[in-house]
């Protein structure tokens, strides 16, 4: 009996994975609005009932695709390794930027980052799932790093503004995966090391400047 249960569970997980992969590929190609459940089921070699069973419908499936895409960009385990990898917050920030740039630049045909870029460029209500499941723990790890660099307490709104400044260039690189014309494509052709070095130095200078300004204002 237990062997049957394990086999059924494995089959179910395999079906779920096929559906997720098929949906991601189609969402990346045609977008959420133009992708039907029938097309996803056909591509996955599954029936429509399987989509409802594993994801609760097309909306739930799209949200699962977004979560997988966000994890593909950076997952909690990777952030934890970076956070524990060096006693120097400066070095940890560089490693984080290096990881993001490499994730964005590699695997040009990866549907996960293509879907995530499209959602960021034109957010839908489904993006809320990321703020419910993926963002909170990752955010706390990054803010702790910024707090160490700037001396600004994690609960201070100034630290969130720092997050915006550091994250924005990486988001622009991610959106650039969609082939938008202009200088962004020239930047994407530059060596990764040069991009990482620039973003790191720019981020450190900004964080340290805001840190000095904020601490000085609080002491007055």
Protein backbone atom coordinates (compact mmCIF):
# COMPACT_ATOMS: atom_id res chain seq x y z
CA UNK A 1 0.00 0.00 0.00
CA UNK A 2 2.77 2.46 0.88
CA UNK A 3 4.48 1.82 -2.45
CA UNK A 4 1.30 2.78 -4.29
CA UNK A 5 1.03 5.98 -2.29
CA UNK A 6 4.63 6.97 -3.01
CA UNK A 7 4.14 6.18 -6.70
CA UNK A 8 0.97 8.24 -6.86
CA UNK A 9 2.69 11.10 -5.08
CA UNK A 10 5.63 11.01 -7.48
CA UNK A 11 3.30 10.96 -10.48
CA UNK A 12 1.40 13.92 -9.06
CA UNK A 13 4.57 15.91 -8.48
CA UNK A 14 5.76 15.12 -12.01
CA UNK A 15 2.44 16.26 -13.46
CA UNK A 16 2.54 19.46 -11.42
CA UNK A 17 6.09 20.17 -12.60
CA UNK A 18 5.13 19.61 -16.25
CA UNK A 19 2.16 21.94 -15.95
CA UNK A 20 4.27 24.63 -14.26
CA UNK A 21 6.94 24.37 -16.95
CA UNK A 22 4.43 24.44 -19.81
CA UNK A 23 2.58 27.39 -18.30
CA UNK A 24 5.79 29.34 -17.75
CA UNK A 25 6.86 28.84 -21.36
CA UNK A 26 3.47 29.94 -22.70
CA UNK A 27 3.12 32.89 -20.31
CA UNK A 28 6.60 34.05 -21.34
CA UNK A 29 5.68 33.77 -25.01
CA UNK A 30 2.13 35.17 -25.10
CA UNK A 31 1.44 36.66 -21.69
CA UNK A 32 -1.12 35.70 -19.07
CA UNK A 33 -4.18 37.13 -20.82
CA UNK A 34 -3.53 35.31 -24.10
CA UNK A 35 -2.66 31.93 -22.59
CA UNK A 36 -5.54 29.53 -22.04
CA UNK A 37 -5.74 26.65 -19.62
CA UNK A 38 -6.44 24.36 -22.57
CA UNK A 39 -3.21 25.38 -24.29
CA UNK A 40 -1.25 24.80 -21.08
CA UNK A 41 -2.81 21.38 -20.54
CA UNK A 42 -2.09 20.36 -24.12
CA UNK A 43 1.54 21.44 -23.90
CA UNK A 44 1.98 19.67 -20.57
CA UNK A 45 0.30 16.48 -21.74
CA UNK A 46 -2.22 16.78 -18.91
CA UNK A 47 -5.96 17.34 -18.59
CA UNK A 48 -7.69 20.52 -17.48
CA UNK A 49 -8.70 18.92 -14.20
CA UNK A 50 -5.02 18.59 -13.29
CA UNK A 51 -4.57 22.36 -13.44
CA UNK A 52 -7.47 22.86 -11.06
CA UNK A 53 -6.26 20.05 -8.79
CA UNK A 54 -2.68 21.27 -8.45
CA UNK A 55 -3.14 25.04 -8.71
CA UNK A 56 -6.83 25.81 -8.21
CA UNK A 57 -7.14 27.21 -11.73
CA UNK A 58 -5.27 29.44 -14.15
CA UNK A 59 -4.87 32.32 -11.68
CA UNK A 60 -3.28 30.05 -9.09
CA UNK A 61 -1.05 28.57 -11.76
CA UNK A 62 0.17 31.99 -12.86
CA UNK A 63 0.90 32.91 -9.25
CA UNK A 64 2.91 29.70 -8.84
CA UNK A 65 4.86 30.63 -11.97
CA UNK A 66 5.63 34.07 -10.50
CA UNK A 67 6.84 32.52 -7.24
CA UNK A 68 9.08 30.10 -9.14
CA UNK A 69 10.40 33.00 -11.23
CA UNK A 70 11.27 35.03 -8.12
CA UNK A 71 13.05 32.04 -6.59
CA UNK A 72 14.97 31.62 -9.84
CA UNK A 73 16.25 35.18 -9.50
CA UNK A 74 17.28 34.74 -5.85
CA UNK A 75 16.05 32.25 -3.28
CA UNK A 76 16.15 32.46 0.49
CA UNK A 77 18.85 29.81 0.83
CA UNK A 78 21.16 31.75 -1.50
CA UNK A 79 20.56 34.98 0.39
CA UNK A 80 21.30 33.25 3.68
CA UNK A 81 24.58 31.90 2.30
CA UNK A 82 25.54 35.37 1.12
CA UNK A 83 24.56 36.90 4.47
CA UNK A 84 26.80 34.41 6.30
CA UNK A 85 29.59 34.31 3.75
CA UNK A 86 31.84 37.16 4.83
CA UNK A 87 32.39 39.31 7.92
CA UNK A 88 32.46 42.35 5.63
CA UNK A 89 29.07 43.78 4.68
CA UNK A 90 30.75 45.45 1.71
CA UNK A 91 31.84 42.05 0.40
CA UNK A 92 28.41 40.55 1.02
CA UNK A 93 26.74 43.33 -0.94
CA UNK A 94 29.09 42.74 -3.84
CA UNK A 95 28.31 39.04 -3.78
CA UNK A 96 24.58 39.79 -3.80
CA UNK A 97 24.89 42.14 -6.78
CA UNK A 98 27.11 39.62 -8.54
CA UNK A 99 24.52 36.89 -8.02
CA UNK A 100 21.68 39.09 -9.33
CA UNK A 101 23.59 40.24 -12.40
CA UNK A 102 24.65 36.69 -13.20
CA UNK A 103 21.11 35.35 -12.74
CA UNK A 104 19.70 38.04 -15.00
CA UNK A 105 22.39 37.68 -17.65
CA UNK A 106 22.54 33.88 -17.82
CA UNK A 107 20.01 31.57 -19.46
CA UNK A 108 18.66 34.06 -21.98
CA UNK A 109 15.87 31.66 -22.90
CA UNK A 110 14.78 31.06 -19.30
CA UNK A 111 11.01 31.62 -19.15
CA UNK A 112 11.15 32.30 -15.42
CA UNK A 113 12.94 35.61 -15.66
CA UNK A 114 11.06 36.58 -18.82
CA UNK A 115 7.74 36.17 -16.99
CA UNK A 116 9.03 38.06 -13.96
CA UNK A 117 10.29 40.92 -16.12
CA UNK A 118 6.91 41.21 -17.84
CA UNK A 119 5.09 41.28 -14.51
CA UNK A 120 7.38 43.99 -13.13
CA UNK A 121 7.01 46.06 -16.30
CA UNK A 122 3.21 45.83 -16.19
CA UNK A 123 2.18 44.61 -12.72
CA UNK A 124 -1.09 42.74 -12.24
CA UNK A 125 -2.95 41.96 -9.03
CA UNK A 126 -1.17 38.59 -9.04
CA UNK A 127 2.12 40.21 -8.06
CA UNK A 128 0.78 40.39 -4.50
CA UNK A 129 1.62 36.71 -4.08
CA UNK A 130 5.31 37.64 -4.13
CA UNK A 131 4.87 40.09 -1.27
CA UNK A 132 3.02 37.45 0.69
CA UNK A 133 5.31 34.49 0.16
CA UNK A 134 8.71 35.50 -1.22
CA UNK A 135 9.57 39.09 -0.36
CA UNK A 136 9.31 39.35 3.48
CA UNK A 137 12.12 36.97 4.50
CA UNK A 138 14.38 38.06 1.63
CA UNK A 139 13.73 41.69 2.48
CA UNK A 140 14.74 41.22 6.11
CA UNK A 141 18.05 39.62 5.08
CA UNK A 142 18.90 42.45 2.66
CA UNK A 143 17.86 45.21 5.07
CA UNK A 144 20.06 43.69 7.78
CA UNK A 145 23.00 44.01 5.38
CA UNK A 146 22.12 47.62 4.57
CA UNK A 147 21.72 48.42 8.25
CA UNK A 148 25.26 47.23 8.89
CA UNK A 149 26.64 49.36 6.04
CA UNK A 150 24.71 52.55 6.82
CA UNK A 151 24.16 52.43 10.57
CA UNK A 152 20.49 53.18 9.88
CA UNK A 153 18.04 51.07 11.95
CA UNK A 154 16.08 48.53 9.94
CA UNK A 155 12.75 50.12 10.86
CA UNK A 156 13.82 53.55 9.58
CA UNK A 157 12.06 54.48 6.28
CA UNK A 158 15.41 55.76 5.00
CA UNK A 159 16.62 52.18 4.75
CA UNK A 160 13.73 51.23 2.47
CA UNK A 161 14.63 54.16 0.24
CA UNK A 162 18.17 52.75 0.12
CA UNK A 163 16.73 49.42 -0.96
CA UNK A 164 14.92 51.15 -3.83
CA UNK A 165 18.12 52.81 -5.00
CA UNK A 166 20.17 49.61 -4.94
CA UNK A 167 17.50 47.32 -6.38
CA UNK A 168 16.34 49.60 -9.21
CA UNK A 169 19.36 49.08 -11.53
CA UNK A 170 19.01 45.31 -11.20
CA UNK A 171 15.31 45.55 -12.03
CA UNK A 172 16.17 47.64 -15.09
CA UNK A 173 18.58 44.93 -16.23
CA UNK A 174 15.83 42.36 -15.70
CA UNK A 175 13.34 44.36 -17.77
CA UNK A 176 16.03 44.70 -20.43
CA UNK A 177 15.71 40.97 -21.05
CA UNK A 178 12.54 41.77 -22.98
CA UNK A 179 14.65 43.32 -25.72
CA UNK A 180 13.72 46.96 -25.23
CA UNK A 181 15.80 49.07 -27.66
CA UNK A 182 18.32 51.68 -26.59
CA UNK A 183 21.47 51.92 -24.48
CA UNK A 184 20.23 49.24 -22.08
CA UNK A 185 20.99 46.57 -24.68
CA UNK A 186 24.51 47.94 -25.05
CA UNK A 187 24.98 47.70 -21.29
CA UNK A 188 23.71 44.12 -21.32
CA UNK A 189 26.46 43.26 -23.80
CA UNK A 190 29.19 44.55 -21.49
CA UNK A 191 31.26 42.11 -19.38
CA UNK A 192 29.40 41.04 -16.25
CA UNK A 193 32.39 41.90 -14.09
CA UNK A 194 32.34 45.52 -15.26
CA UNK A 195 28.61 45.81 -14.56
CA UNK A 196 28.95 44.24 -11.12
CA UNK A 197 31.88 46.47 -10.20
CA UNK A 198 30.02 49.61 -11.26
CA UNK A 199 26.77 48.74 -9.48
CA UNK A 200 28.64 47.76 -6.33
CA UNK A 201 30.72 50.93 -6.14
CA UNK A 202 27.68 53.07 -6.94
CA UNK A 203 25.58 51.32 -4.28
CA UNK A 204 28.28 51.53 -1.61
CA UNK A 205 28.84 55.25 -2.22
CA UNK A 206 25.13 55.94 -1.99
CA UNK A 207 24.56 53.80 1.10
CA UNK A 208 27.49 55.34 2.95
CA UNK A 209 26.44 58.88 2.02
CA UNK A 210 22.85 58.35 3.16
CA UNK A 211 24.11 56.64 6.29
CA UNK A 212 26.29 59.61 7.22
CA UNK A 213 23.49 62.08 6.50
CA UNK A 214 20.88 60.15 8.46
CA UNK A 215 23.09 59.54 11.49
CA UNK A 216 24.14 63.20 11.53
CA UNK A 217 20.50 64.35 11.37
CA UNK A 218 19.54 62.05 14.22
CA UNK A 219 22.35 63.39 16.41
CA UNK A 220 21.36 67.04 15.96
